[in-house]
Amino acid sequence: MRILNVRFANLNSLAGSWEIDFTDPVYAVEGIFVISGPTGAGKSTILDAICLALYGRTPRLKKVTQGENDLMSRRTGECFAEVTFQTAAGSWRVCFRQTRAHRKADGNLQAPRHEISDAVSGEILDASLRGVAERVVSLTGMDYDRFTRSMLLAQGGFAAFLQARAEERASILEQITGTEVYAEISRQVHARTGLERQRMQALRAELAGREPLPPDAEAELCGELARRQEEELAVTAELNRLQAALAWLRELARLEAELAETLRLEEALAAEERAFEPSRILLDRARRALELDALHERIVLLEQSQETDRRSLAVDLERLPSIEAGAERSRAVEQEARQRHDLATARLDEMNPLFRKVRELDLRIQGLDQALRNAAAVEREAVANLERISARVAQEMARAQDQQRELAAVQSLMEAHVVDAGLPDQLARWSERLDQQR
């Protein structure tokens, strides 16, 4: 099992979103790294996130439920942990998530959700708490206890191992590696100890029948050893020289072989070039023909155009007699038209004095027409005034007739009352007398 990526949010003291990509070259190239920091910095929280995503619990919190989750950071409304890991069967992504009501910090805890999916296709394999845990065990081959003992040593576990007495470390090792693993290690150590003991006894038995040499013999052997070492050095130097010479000869032979191969290839290329010579000639001709192809196409087009022109010329030549006859008729008509034009020109020259007089008369007529129009306007105005005066005269005559009739009536009345002619005078006298009496 190989962990590829860890993502989590709002766990313990690490509020917010966090991610560690173990496929980054910084981790992949070095091969080993350390997560360090002061107490409370969040080192164990990373291990908690891994355990929570895989198994839904951590060494510090055995169970996460709807009523209990001490891992969620304070004053937050949700938390999650996601791990992408790889096994021989493929790559997988497992995610554990829990929220509060409406994702508010004071909301009630909701039921946790746990799901596992294929990291490549994204297909969800299981989304139940128990089903995801079982699927992780089947994919990794490790349950929660084995995982925490073999791949993740919880905080305090290693300190307990270091501080324990010698007789207590065996039980701690059993808790860390598993009983069966520790037993296997013990068997291998016991077997190796017995094998080494047997080898030591064999060496002692071999040395038992040998006695140490006298000092003189030992000194002689040491001198012989020194001479042999010097000879070995000389032989080694000569051997190195000969090996260098041999390497040079081998390199020379290799170069000669390469030269021979190069010459052979050169001859083969020359033979191929000679064999290709007819084809090359044809290729050159084809290239030149290709260059002339456009010119040839233009020549063909020109020939086609010339053929069309020749056919048009033949048709025109057939039509030429009729065209010439028509031209002759046109020339006769033109001659006749010119004669008529000359006659008309002479007649125009004769008529020019008359035309000038006519133009003068036209100008006079235009002046008289204007005067006539003015006189007509004056006449119309006079007629209108006359009509108005006539109407007034008729009115005055009618009034005069009425006055005459009234005068006649008055005269008739006066004649009928002649006796009353002195009444005004009497009336005046009466008025005076009346005024005097007052």
Protein backbone atom coordinates (compact mmCIF):
# COMPACT_ATOMS: atom_id res chain seq x y z
CA MET A 1 0.00 0.00 0.00
CA ARG A 2 1.28 3.46 -0.94
CA ILE A 3 -0.39 6.70 0.13
CA LEU A 4 -0.42 9.18 -2.78
CA ASN A 5 -2.35 12.16 -1.45
CA VAL A 6 -3.90 13.42 1.80
CA ARG A 7 -6.53 16.17 1.99
CA PHE A 8 -8.40 17.29 5.09
CA ALA A 9 -10.14 20.29 6.61
CA ASN A 10 -11.01 21.52 10.13
CA LEU A 11 -9.39 18.75 12.16
CA ASN A 12 -8.10 19.54 15.67
CA SER A 13 -5.89 22.63 15.57
CA LEU A 14 -5.57 22.68 11.76
CA ALA A 15 -8.61 24.75 10.76
CA GLY A 16 -9.18 25.36 7.07
CA SER A 17 -8.25 23.16 4.10
CA TRP A 18 -4.91 21.31 3.85
CA GLU A 19 -3.33 18.98 1.30
CA ILE A 20 -0.13 16.90 1.06
CA ASP A 21 0.76 15.44 -2.36
CA PHE A 22 3.24 12.61 -1.79
CA THR A 23 3.72 12.22 -5.56
CA ASP A 24 5.47 15.59 -5.68
CA PRO A 25 9.15 15.24 -6.67
CA VAL A 26 10.19 16.75 -3.33
CA TYR A 27 8.89 13.59 -1.62
CA ALA A 28 9.45 11.08 -4.45
CA VAL A 29 13.13 11.92 -5.08
CA GLU A 30 14.31 12.07 -1.48
CA GLY A 31 12.53 8.85 -0.48
CA ILE A 32 12.39 9.81 3.21
CA PHE A 33 11.13 12.91 5.00
CA VAL A 34 10.25 14.08 8.50
CA ILE A 35 7.13 15.80 9.80
CA SER A 36 8.39 18.00 12.63
CA GLY A 37 7.15 20.91 14.67
CA PRO A 38 6.41 22.04 18.24
CA THR A 39 3.74 20.47 20.41
CA GLY A 40 0.28 21.34 19.13
CA ALA A 41 1.47 22.24 15.64
CA GLY A 42 -0.67 19.51 14.06
CA LYS A 43 1.76 16.65 13.39
CA SER A 44 -0.52 14.00 14.87
CA THR A 45 -3.50 15.60 13.12
CA ILE A 46 -2.04 14.48 9.78
CA LEU A 47 -1.92 10.88 11.08
CA ASP A 48 -5.46 11.32 12.46
CA ALA A 49 -6.64 12.46 9.01
CA ILE A 50 -5.15 9.34 7.38
CA CYS A 51 -6.76 6.98 9.93
CA LEU A 52 -10.08 8.86 9.82
CA ALA A 53 -10.29 8.67 6.02
CA LEU A 54 -9.37 4.97 5.89
CA TYR A 55 -11.14 3.52 8.94
CA GLY A 56 -13.43 6.26 10.29
CA ARG A 57 -11.57 6.44 13.65
CA THR A 58 -8.19 7.49 15.03
CA PRO A 59 -5.85 6.31 17.82
CA ARG A 60 -6.97 9.31 19.90
CA LEU A 61 -10.69 9.02 19.09
CA LYS A 62 -11.89 5.44 18.83
CA LYS A 63 -15.26 6.27 17.28
CA VAL A 64 -16.86 9.20 15.46
CA THR A 65 -20.65 9.28 15.72
CA GLN A 66 -23.54 11.69 15.23
CA GLY A 67 -23.34 12.65 18.88
CA GLU A 68 -19.56 12.79 19.33
CA ASN A 69 -16.72 14.20 17.22
CA ASP A 70 -13.90 15.81 19.17
CA LEU A 71 -11.76 15.94 16.02
CA MET A 72 -13.74 18.75 14.38
CA SER A 73 -12.10 22.13 14.90
CA ARG A 74 -13.96 24.51 17.18
CA ARG A 75 -16.19 27.19 15.66
CA THR A 76 -16.46 25.27 12.36
CA GLY A 77 -19.47 23.67 10.72
CA GLU A 78 -17.87 20.72 8.88
CA CYS A 79 -14.77 18.55 8.63
CA PHE A 80 -13.51 15.95 6.22
CA ALA A 81 -10.50 13.71 5.54
CA GLU A 82 -9.61 12.22 2.15
CA VAL A 83 -6.80 9.80 1.26
CA THR A 84 -5.78 8.55 -2.19
CA PHE A 85 -3.76 5.34 -2.01
CA GLN A 86 -2.41 2.76 -4.40
CA THR A 87 -2.22 -1.02 -4.18
CA ALA A 88 -1.43 -3.79 -6.62
CA ALA A 89 -5.12 -3.77 -7.62
CA GLY A 90 -5.18 -0.06 -8.59
CA SER A 91 -5.66 3.44 -7.18
CA TRP A 92 -8.47 4.31 -4.78
CA ARG A 93 -9.85 7.37 -3.03
CA VAL A 94 -11.56 7.14 0.37
CA CYS A 95 -13.27 10.11 2.06
CA PHE A 96 -14.81 10.65 5.53
CA ARG A 97 -17.02 13.72 6.04
CA GLN A 98 -19.22 15.08 8.84
CA THR A 99 -21.13 18.36 9.05
CA ARG A 100 -23.23 20.30 11.52
CA ALA A 101 -26.79 21.42 10.79
CA HIS A 102 -26.77 24.07 8.03
CA ARG A 103 -22.95 23.94 8.32
CA LYS A 104 -23.14 26.36 11.24
CA ALA A 105 -20.70 26.17 14.14
CA ASP A 106 -23.53 25.93 16.68
CA GLY A 107 -25.57 23.41 14.68
CA ASN A 108 -26.18 19.82 15.74
CA LEU A 109 -23.84 17.13 14.45
CA GLN A 110 -25.18 15.20 11.47
CA ALA A 111 -24.54 11.55 10.68
CA PRO A 112 -21.04 10.99 9.28
CA ARG A 113 -20.60 9.90 5.66
CA HIS A 114 -17.93 7.51 4.44
CA GLU A 115 -17.33 6.49 0.83
CA ILE A 116 -14.67 4.83 -1.33
CA SER A 117 -14.27 5.28 -5.09
CA ASP A 118 -11.97 4.42 -7.97
CA ALA A 119 -9.37 7.20 -8.18
CA VAL A 120 -9.17 6.94 -11.99
CA SER A 121 -12.80 6.60 -13.10
CA GLY A 122 -14.42 8.24 -10.03
CA GLU A 123 -16.90 5.34 -9.70
CA ILE A 124 -18.17 5.05 -6.10
CA LEU A 125 -17.65 1.51 -4.82
CA ASP A 126 -19.34 1.82 -1.42
CA ALA A 127 -20.89 4.59 0.68
CA SER A 128 -21.74 2.87 4.00
CA LEU A 129 -19.63 3.11 7.14
CA ARG A 130 -19.19 -0.65 7.58
CA GLY A 131 -18.93 -1.37 3.83
CA VAL A 132 -16.13 1.18 3.31
CA ALA A 133 -14.11 -0.20 6.23
CA GLU A 134 -14.45 -3.75 4.87
CA ARG A 135 -13.53 -2.62 1.37
CA VAL A 136 -10.38 -0.88 2.70
CA VAL A 137 -9.37 -4.07 4.55
CA SER A 138 -9.87 -6.17 1.41
CA LEU A 139 -7.87 -3.77 -0.78
CA THR A 140 -4.96 -3.15 1.61
CA GLY A 141 -4.89 -6.47 3.49
CA MET A 142 -4.68 -4.55 6.79
CA ASP A 143 -7.35 -3.89 9.36
CA TYR A 144 -7.20 -0.90 11.68
CA ASP A 145 -5.01 -2.58 14.34
CA ARG A 146 -2.51 -3.97 11.84
CA PHE A 147 -2.34 -0.60 10.03
CA THR A 148 -1.63 1.36 13.21
CA ARG A 149 1.02 -1.19 14.30
CA SER A 150 2.86 -1.61 11.01
CA MET A 151 2.43 1.67 9.11
CA LEU A 152 1.38 4.30 11.62
CA LEU A 153 2.82 4.36 15.14
CA ALA A 154 0.56 6.60 17.18
CA GLN A 155 1.96 9.40 19.32
CA GLY A 156 3.38 7.99 22.57
CA GLY A 157 3.77 4.43 21.23
CA PHE A 158 7.40 4.85 20.19
CA ALA A 159 8.25 6.74 23.39
CA ALA A 160 6.86 3.84 25.41
CA PHE A 161 9.09 1.45 23.45
CA LEU A 162 12.24 3.51 24.08
CA GLN A 163 11.58 3.97 27.80
CA ALA A 164 10.59 0.35 28.49
CA ARG A 165 12.91 -2.18 30.17
CA ALA A 166 14.51 -4.91 28.09
CA GLU A 167 12.05 -7.56 29.29
CA GLU A 168 9.12 -5.24 28.46
CA ARG A 169 10.15 -4.39 24.90
CA ALA A 170 9.16 -7.80 23.59
CA SER A 171 5.49 -7.18 24.40
CA ILE A 172 5.70 -3.65 22.93
CA LEU A 173 7.25 -5.04 19.75
CA GLU A 174 4.43 -7.54 19.60
CA GLN A 175 1.93 -4.67 19.76
CA ILE A 176 3.79 -2.71 17.07
CA THR A 177 4.64 -5.44 14.55
CA GLY A 178 2.12 -8.16 15.41
CA THR A 179 2.72 -11.37 17.36
CA GLU A 180 3.29 -13.54 14.32
CA VAL A 181 5.86 -11.12 12.86
CA TYR A 182 7.83 -10.95 16.10
CA ALA A 183 7.79 -14.75 16.41
CA GLU A 184 9.13 -15.07 12.87
CA ILE A 185 11.92 -12.61 13.67
CA SER A 186 12.80 -14.61 16.78
CA ARG A 187 12.99 -17.87 14.79
CA GLN A 188 15.22 -16.30 12.17
CA VAL A 189 17.54 -14.83 14.84
CA HIS A 190 17.77 -18.20 16.64
CA ALA A 191 18.52 -20.04 13.41
CA ARG A 192 21.19 -17.51 12.42
CA THR A 193 22.81 -17.76 15.88
CA GLY A 194 23.04 -21.56 15.64
CA LEU A 195 24.56 -21.37 12.15
CA GLU A 196 27.22 -18.88 13.20
CA ARG A 197 28.04 -20.98 16.30
CA GLN A 198 28.58 -24.03 14.08
CA ARG A 199 30.88 -22.07 11.78
CA MET A 200 32.91 -20.84 14.74
CA GLN A 201 33.34 -24.39 16.09
CA ALA A 202 34.47 -25.59 12.65
CA LEU A 203 37.12 -22.86 12.49
CA ARG A 204 38.37 -23.72 15.97
CA ALA A 205 38.62 -27.41 15.02
CA GLU A 206 40.60 -26.49 11.91
CA LEU A 207 43.08 -24.39 13.92
CA ALA A 208 43.45 -26.94 16.68
CA GLY A 209 46.14 -29.07 14.84
CA ARG A 210 48.29 -26.09 13.80
CA GLU A 211 51.22 -24.65 15.81
CA PRO A 212 52.52 -21.05 15.49
CA LEU A 213 55.81 -20.59 13.52
CA PRO A 214 59.16 -19.66 15.18
CA PRO A 215 60.14 -15.97 15.04
CA ASP A 216 62.91 -16.60 12.44
CA ALA A 217 60.61 -18.50 10.12
CA GLU A 218 57.94 -15.85 10.57
CA ALA A 219 60.46 -13.07 9.72
CA GLU A 220 61.65 -14.99 6.67
CA LEU A 221 58.06 -15.44 5.52
CA CYS A 222 57.39 -11.74 6.08
CA GLY A 223 60.41 -10.82 3.95
CA GLU A 224 59.31 -13.24 1.26
CA LEU A 225 55.84 -11.70 1.45
CA ALA A 226 57.30 -8.18 1.00
CA ARG A 227 59.32 -9.32 -2.03
CA ARG A 228 56.31 -11.01 -3.50
CA GLN A 229 54.27 -7.83 -2.93
CA GLU A 230 56.91 -5.74 -4.75
CA GLU A 231 56.93 -8.25 -7.59
CA GLU A 232 53.15 -8.08 -7.60
CA LEU A 233 53.29 -4.32 -7.90
CA ALA A 234 55.76 -4.57 -10.81
CA VAL A 235 53.64 -7.24 -12.49
CA THR A 236 50.55 -5.14 -11.88
CA ALA A 237 52.20 -2.12 -13.50
CA GLU A 238 53.31 -4.21 -16.48
CA LEU A 239 49.86 -5.71 -16.66
CA ASN A 240 48.31 -2.27 -16.67
CA ARG A 241 50.70 -1.20 -19.46
CA LEU A 242 49.90 -4.30 -21.48
CA GLN A 243 46.17 -3.84 -20.87
CA ALA A 244 46.47 -0.23 -22.07
CA ALA A 245 48.36 -1.42 -25.15
CA LEU A 246 45.77 -4.14 -25.69
CA ALA A 247 42.99 -1.60 -25.35
CA TRP A 248 44.78 0.59 -27.88
CA LEU A 249 45.16 -2.34 -30.27
CA ARG A 250 41.50 -3.24 -29.77
CA GLU A 251 40.50 0.34 -30.44
CA LEU A 252 42.75 0.33 -33.53
CA ALA A 253 41.15 -2.89 -34.71
CA ARG A 254 37.71 -1.42 -34.10
CA LEU A 255 38.62 1.70 -36.06
CA GLU A 256 40.05 -0.40 -38.89
CA ALA A 257 36.86 -2.44 -38.91
CA GLU A 258 34.84 0.77 -38.97
CA LEU A 259 37.04 2.07 -41.82
CA ALA A 260 36.57 -1.15 -43.75
CA GLU A 261 32.82 -0.96 -43.14
CA THR A 262 32.83 2.69 -44.22
CA LEU A 263 34.72 1.80 -47.42
CA ARG A 264 32.30 -1.04 -48.04
CA LEU A 265 29.36 1.30 -47.55
CA GLU A 266 31.03 3.84 -49.83
CA GLU A 267 31.45 1.25 -52.56
CA ALA A 268 27.88 0.09 -52.05
CA LEU A 269 26.65 3.68 -52.28
CA ALA A 270 28.76 4.19 -55.44
CA ALA A 271 27.26 1.03 -56.94
CA GLU A 272 23.77 2.19 -56.00
CA GLU A 273 24.53 5.59 -57.52
CA ARG A 274 25.71 3.95 -60.74
CA ALA A 275 22.62 1.76 -60.78
CA PHE A 276 20.46 4.81 -60.14
CA GLU A 277 22.09 6.82 -62.96
CA PRO A 278 19.40 5.96 -65.60
CA SER A 279 16.69 6.75 -63.12
CA ARG A 280 18.47 9.98 -62.20
CA ILE A 281 18.55 11.00 -65.86
CA LEU A 282 14.84 10.27 -66.15
CA LEU A 283 14.25 12.19 -62.92
CA ASP A 284 16.16 15.22 -64.25
CA ARG A 285 14.14 15.08 -67.46
CA ALA A 286 10.95 14.80 -65.44
CA ARG A 287 11.96 17.80 -63.35
CA ARG A 288 12.69 19.85 -66.47
CA ALA A 289 9.42 18.67 -67.99
CA LEU A 290 7.67 19.68 -64.80
CA GLU A 291 9.21 23.13 -65.06
CA LEU A 292 7.98 23.35 -68.69
CA ASP A 293 4.56 22.02 -67.81
CA ALA A 294 3.14 25.45 -67.10
CA LEU A 295 4.62 26.84 -70.34
CA HIS A 296 3.25 23.87 -72.26
CA GLU A 297 -0.17 24.47 -70.78
CA ARG A 298 -0.01 28.11 -71.88
CA ILE A 299 1.00 27.03 -75.40
CA VAL A 300 -1.94 24.63 -75.54
CA LEU A 301 -4.27 27.40 -74.43
CA LEU A 302 -2.82 29.74 -77.07
CA GLU A 303 -3.25 27.09 -79.76
CA GLN A 304 -6.86 26.57 -78.70
CA SER A 305 -7.39 30.34 -78.78
CA GLN A 306 -5.81 30.53 -82.26
CA GLU A 307 -8.07 27.73 -83.48
CA THR A 308 -11.09 29.62 -82.16
CA ASP A 309 -9.85 32.79 -83.86
CA ARG A 310 -9.36 30.90 -87.15
CA ARG A 311 -12.90 29.58 -87.02
CA SER A 312 -14.19 33.08 -86.27
CA LEU A 313 -12.09 34.45 -89.18
CA ALA A 314 -13.58 31.87 -91.56
CA VAL A 315 -17.07 32.83 -90.50
CA ASP A 316 -16.22 36.53 -90.90
CA LEU A 317 -14.72 35.89 -94.36
CA GLU A 318 -17.97 34.18 -95.38
CA ARG A 319 -19.91 37.19 -94.13
CA LEU A 320 -17.47 39.69 -95.73
CA PRO A 321 -19.29 40.07 -99.14
CA SER A 322 -22.58 40.83 -97.48
CA ILE A 323 -20.81 43.16 -95.05
CA GLU A 324 -19.05 44.95 -97.96
CA ALA A 325 -22.37 45.26 -99.82
CA GLY A 326 -23.90 46.70 -96.69
CA ALA A 327 -20.95 49.04 -96.35
CA GLU A 328 -21.42 50.17 -99.97
CA ARG A 329 -25.08 50.85 -99.30
CA SER A 330 -24.10 52.68 -96.14
CA ARG A 331 -21.63 54.80 -98.12
CA ALA A 332 -24.34 55.65 -100.67
CA VAL A 333 -26.73 56.56 -97.91
CA GLU A 334 -23.96 58.59 -96.26
CA GLN A 335 -23.28 60.41 -99.56
CA GLU A 336 -26.95 61.19 -99.98
CA ALA A 337 -27.13 62.35 -96.36
CA ARG A 338 -24.15 64.61 -96.90
CA GLN A 339 -25.78 66.15 -99.95
CA ARG A 340 -28.96 66.76 -98.00
CA HIS A 341 -26.84 68.21 -95.23
CA ASP A 342 -25.07 70.56 -97.66
CA LEU A 343 -28.41 71.69 -99.08
CA ALA A 344 -29.79 72.19 -95.61
CA THR A 345 -26.67 74.14 -94.65
CA ALA A 346 -27.05 76.44 -97.70
CA ARG A 347 -30.75 76.87 -96.99
CA LEU A 348 -29.88 77.68 -93.38
CA ASP A 349 -27.41 80.31 -94.50
CA GLU A 350 -30.14 81.88 -96.67
CA MET A 351 -32.66 81.77 -93.84
CA ASN A 352 -30.34 83.18 -91.13
CA PRO A 353 -31.32 86.87 -91.79
CA LEU A 354 -34.97 85.90 -91.62
CA PHE A 355 -34.29 83.92 -88.41
CA ARG A 356 -32.65 87.00 -86.88
CA LYS A 357 -35.72 89.12 -87.75
CA VAL A 358 -37.96 86.43 -86.35
CA ARG A 359 -35.95 86.41 -83.11
CA GLU A 360 -36.27 90.23 -82.93
CA LEU A 361 -40.02 89.97 -83.48
CA ASP A 362 -40.16 87.25 -80.84
CA LEU A 363 -38.44 89.58 -78.38
CA ARG A 364 -40.91 92.40 -79.27
CA ILE A 365 -43.82 89.98 -79.01
CA GLN A 366 -42.54 88.92 -75.60
CA GLY A 367 -42.45 92.63 -74.55
CA LEU A 368 -45.95 93.27 -75.95
CA ASP A 369 -47.22 90.13 -74.27
CA GLN A 370 -45.91 91.43 -70.96
CA ALA A 371 -47.53 94.84 -71.55
CA LEU A 372 -50.75 93.14 -72.61
CA ARG A 373 -50.68 90.99 -69.46
CA ASN A 374 -50.13 94.16 -67.41
CA ALA A 375 -53.00 95.98 -69.21
CA ALA A 376 -55.23 92.97 -68.72
CA ALA A 377 -54.43 93.06 -65.03
CA VAL A 378 -55.24 96.78 -64.89
CA GLU A 379 -58.42 96.14 -66.85
CA ARG A 380 -59.45 93.38 -64.46
CA GLU A 381 -58.80 95.68 -61.51
CA ALA A 382 -60.80 98.52 -63.18
CA VAL A 383 -63.66 96.14 -63.94
CA ALA A 384 -63.65 95.04 -60.33
CA ASN A 385 -63.70 98.67 -59.14
CA LEU A 386 -66.47 99.45 -61.64
CA GLU A 387 -68.49 96.53 -60.39
CA ARG A 388 -68.02 97.75 -56.80
CA ILE A 389 -68.98 101.32 -57.77
CA SER A 390 -72.01 100.06 -59.74
CA ALA A 391 -73.12 98.10 -56.72
CA ARG A 392 -72.78 101.16 -54.51
CA VAL A 393 -74.64 103.33 -57.09
CA ALA A 394 -77.42 100.75 -57.17
CA GLN A 395 -77.59 100.85 -53.41
CA GLU A 396 -77.61 104.67 -53.36
CA MET A 397 -80.33 104.78 -56.04
CA ALA A 398 -82.43 102.33 -54.03
CA ARG A 399 -81.98 104.53 -50.95
CA ALA A 400 -82.85 107.65 -52.97
CA GLN A 401 -86.03 106.00 -54.22
CA ASP A 402 -86.94 105.10 -50.64
CA GLN A 403 -86.30 108.66 -49.51
CA GLN A 404 -88.40 110.04 -52.38
CA ARG A 405 -91.28 107.73 -51.39
CA GLU A 406 -90.90 108.91 -47.77
CA LEU A 407 -90.77 112.56 -48.91
CA ALA A 408 -93.92 112.10 -50.96
CA ALA A 409 -95.65 110.57 -47.98
CA VAL A 410 -94.55 113.46 -45.77
CA GLN A 411 -95.72 116.01 -48.32
CA SER A 412 -99.08 114.26 -48.55
CA LEU A 413 -99.32 114.31 -44.74
CA MET A 414 -98.42 118.01 -44.62
CA GLU A 415 -100.96 118.84 -47.21
CA ALA A 416 -103.54 116.97 -45.21
CA HIS A 417 -102.68 118.95 -42.00
CA VAL A 418 -102.14 122.46 -43.36
CA VAL A 419 -104.36 123.85 -40.61
CA ASP A 420 -101.85 122.56 -38.03
CA ALA A 421 -99.02 124.61 -39.49
CA GLY A 422 -99.17 127.27 -36.70
CA LEU A 423 -99.05 124.77 -33.88
CA PRO A 424 -95.26 125.09 -33.38
CA ASP A 425 -95.48 128.80 -32.86
CA GLN A 426 -98.39 128.39 -30.53
CA LEU A 427 -96.56 125.68 -28.69
CA ALA A 428 -93.63 128.04 -28.18
CA ARG A 429 -95.88 130.77 -26.82
CA TRP A 430 -97.57 128.30 -24.52
CA SER A 431 -94.28 127.22 -23.19
CA GLU A 432 -93.21 130.80 -22.42
CA ARG A 433 -96.49 131.54 -20.65
CA LEU A 434 -96.19 128.40 -18.63
CA ASP A 435 -92.69 129.32 -17.57
CA GLN A 436 -93.91 132.79 -16.50
CA GLN A 437 -96.66 131.30 -14.34
CA ARG A 438 -94.21 129.17 -12.48
